[in-house]
Amino acid sequence: MQYSEALPEDAERGVFEAGLAEALDRVSPDQADAAVLYKNLRFAGVGSFTLAQAGISGATGARPLSLASF
């Protein structure tokens, strides 16, 4: 698992509104771990974006976002 264990907890606390990664395999080489993170971020209402695939879970709105890079 490559992403920080605190990332899902920070998402739930509203520390950031969207996550940005170069590509899904940069989040975690294990697809199951990446899927769990995606599920947790989506549950917290956090958008997930990659440079390679644009929006994964969709935009959260037109206003400026606080981002977490992972």
C-alpha atoms as a PDB file:
ATOM      1  CA  MET A   1       0.000   0.000   0.000  1.00  0.00           C
ATOM      2  CA  GLN A   2       1.578   3.293  -1.105  1.00  0.00           C
ATOM      3  CA  TYR A   3      -0.881   5.941   0.005  1.00  0.00           C
ATOM      4  CA  SER A   4      -0.815   7.282   3.527  1.00  0.00           C
ATOM      5  CA  GLU A   5      -3.009   5.481   6.041  1.00  0.00           C
ATOM      6  CA  ALA A   6      -4.142   8.941   7.190  1.00  0.00           C
ATOM      7  CA  LEU A   7      -5.574   9.798   3.762  1.00  0.00           C
ATOM      8  CA  PRO A   8      -9.034   8.221   4.286  1.00  0.00           C
ATOM      9  CA  GLU A   9      -9.225   9.698   7.801  1.00  0.00           C
ATOM     10  CA  ASP A  10      -8.298  13.162   6.508  1.00  0.00           C
ATOM     11  CA  ALA A  11     -10.956  12.834   3.808  1.00  0.00           C
ATOM     12  CA  GLU A  12     -13.623  12.056   6.394  1.00  0.00           C
ATOM     13  CA  ARG A  13     -12.540  15.074   8.467  1.00  0.00           C
ATOM     14  CA  GLY A  14     -12.832  17.333   5.410  1.00  0.00           C
ATOM     15  CA  VAL A  15      -9.137  18.185   5.220  1.00  0.00           C
ATOM     16  CA  PHE A  16      -9.384  18.121   1.403  1.00  0.00           C
ATOM     17  CA  GLU A  17     -12.142  17.883  -1.206  1.00  0.00           C
ATOM     18  CA  ALA A  18     -10.368  16.066  -4.041  1.00  0.00           C
ATOM     19  CA  GLY A  19      -7.411  13.777  -4.574  1.00  0.00           C
ATOM     20  CA  LEU A  20      -5.071  14.072  -7.544  1.00  0.00           C
ATOM     21  CA  ALA A  21      -2.682  11.369  -8.762  1.00  0.00           C
ATOM     22  CA  GLU A  22      -0.630  10.934 -11.915  1.00  0.00           C
ATOM     23  CA  ALA A  23      -2.308   7.560 -12.571  1.00  0.00           C
ATOM     24  CA  LEU A  24      -4.170   4.895 -10.582  1.00  0.00           C
ATOM     25  CA  ASP A  25      -1.091   2.660 -10.392  1.00  0.00           C
ATOM     26  CA  ARG A  26       0.732   5.530  -8.618  1.00  0.00           C
ATOM     27  CA  VAL A  27      -1.819   5.406  -5.788  1.00  0.00           C
ATOM     28  CA  SER A  28      -1.127   1.735  -5.181  1.00  0.00           C
ATOM     29  CA  PRO A  29       0.240  -1.062  -7.368  1.00  0.00           C
ATOM     30  CA  ASP A  30      -2.384  -3.330  -5.772  1.00  0.00           C
ATOM     31  CA  GLN A  31      -5.733  -2.766  -7.503  1.00  0.00           C
ATOM     32  CA  ALA A  32      -7.629  -3.977  -4.448  1.00  0.00           C
ATOM     33  CA  ASP A  33      -5.985  -1.322  -2.247  1.00  0.00           C
ATOM     34  CA  ALA A  34      -6.718   1.382  -4.839  1.00  0.00           C
ATOM     35  CA  ALA A  35     -10.353   0.227  -4.985  1.00  0.00           C
ATOM     36  CA  VAL A  36     -10.705   0.405  -1.187  1.00  0.00           C
ATOM     37  CA  LEU A  37      -9.213   3.915  -1.168  1.00  0.00           C
ATOM     38  CA  TYR A  38     -11.565   4.998  -3.983  1.00  0.00           C
ATOM     39  CA  LYS A  39     -14.537   3.591  -2.061  1.00  0.00           C
ATOM     40  CA  ASN A  40     -13.505   5.368   1.156  1.00  0.00           C
ATOM     41  CA  LEU A  41     -12.906   8.688  -0.621  1.00  0.00           C
ATOM     42  CA  ARG A  42     -16.224   8.477  -2.457  1.00  0.00           C
ATOM     43  CA  PHE A  43     -18.039   7.690   0.818  1.00  0.00           C
ATOM     44  CA  ALA A  44     -16.432  10.818   2.315  1.00  0.00           C
ATOM     45  CA  GLY A  45     -17.639  12.880  -0.670  1.00  0.00           C
ATOM     46  CA  VAL A  46     -14.128  13.424  -2.004  1.00  0.00           C
ATOM     47  CA  GLY A  47     -13.515  13.551  -5.748  1.00  0.00           C
ATOM     48  CA  SER A  48     -10.706  11.418  -7.176  1.00  0.00           C
ATOM     49  CA  PHE A  49      -8.811  12.549 -10.267  1.00  0.00           C
ATOM     50  CA  THR A  50      -5.842  11.320 -12.259  1.00  0.00           C
ATOM     51  CA  LEU A  51      -3.906  13.120 -14.968  1.00  0.00           C
ATOM     52  CA  ALA A  52      -4.224  10.009 -17.124  1.00  0.00           C
ATOM     53  CA  GLN A  53      -7.986   9.492 -16.694  1.00  0.00           C
ATOM     54  CA  ALA A  54      -9.446  12.893 -15.698  1.00  0.00           C
ATOM     55  CA  GLY A  55     -12.240  12.469 -13.135  1.00  0.00           C
ATOM     56  CA  ILE A  56     -12.669   9.059 -11.571  1.00  0.00           C
ATOM     57  CA  SER A  57     -15.591   9.874  -9.318  1.00  0.00           C
ATOM     58  CA  GLY A  58     -16.613  13.168 -10.899  1.00  0.00           C
ATOM     59  CA  ALA A  59     -16.216  16.790 -10.013  1.00  0.00           C
ATOM     60  CA  THR A  60     -17.415  18.083  -6.688  1.00  0.00           C
ATOM     61  CA  GLY A  61     -18.414  21.486  -8.044  1.00  0.00           C
ATOM     62  CA  ALA A  62     -17.228  24.587  -9.840  1.00  0.00           C
ATOM     63  CA  ARG A  63     -15.714  26.241  -6.779  1.00  0.00           C
ATOM     64  CA  PRO A  64     -11.980  26.030  -5.950  1.00  0.00           C
ATOM     65  CA  LEU A  65     -11.041  22.721  -4.323  1.00  0.00           C
ATOM     66  CA  SER A  66      -8.617  21.870  -1.575  1.00  0.00           C
ATOM     67  CA  LEU A  67      -6.490  19.050  -2.981  1.00  0.00           C
ATOM     68  CA  ALA A  68      -4.501  16.179  -1.567  1.00  0.00           C
ATOM     69  CA  SER A  69      -1.853  14.852  -3.904  1.00  0.00           C
ATOM     70  CA  PHE A  70      -1.277  11.118  -3.584  1.00  0.00           C
END
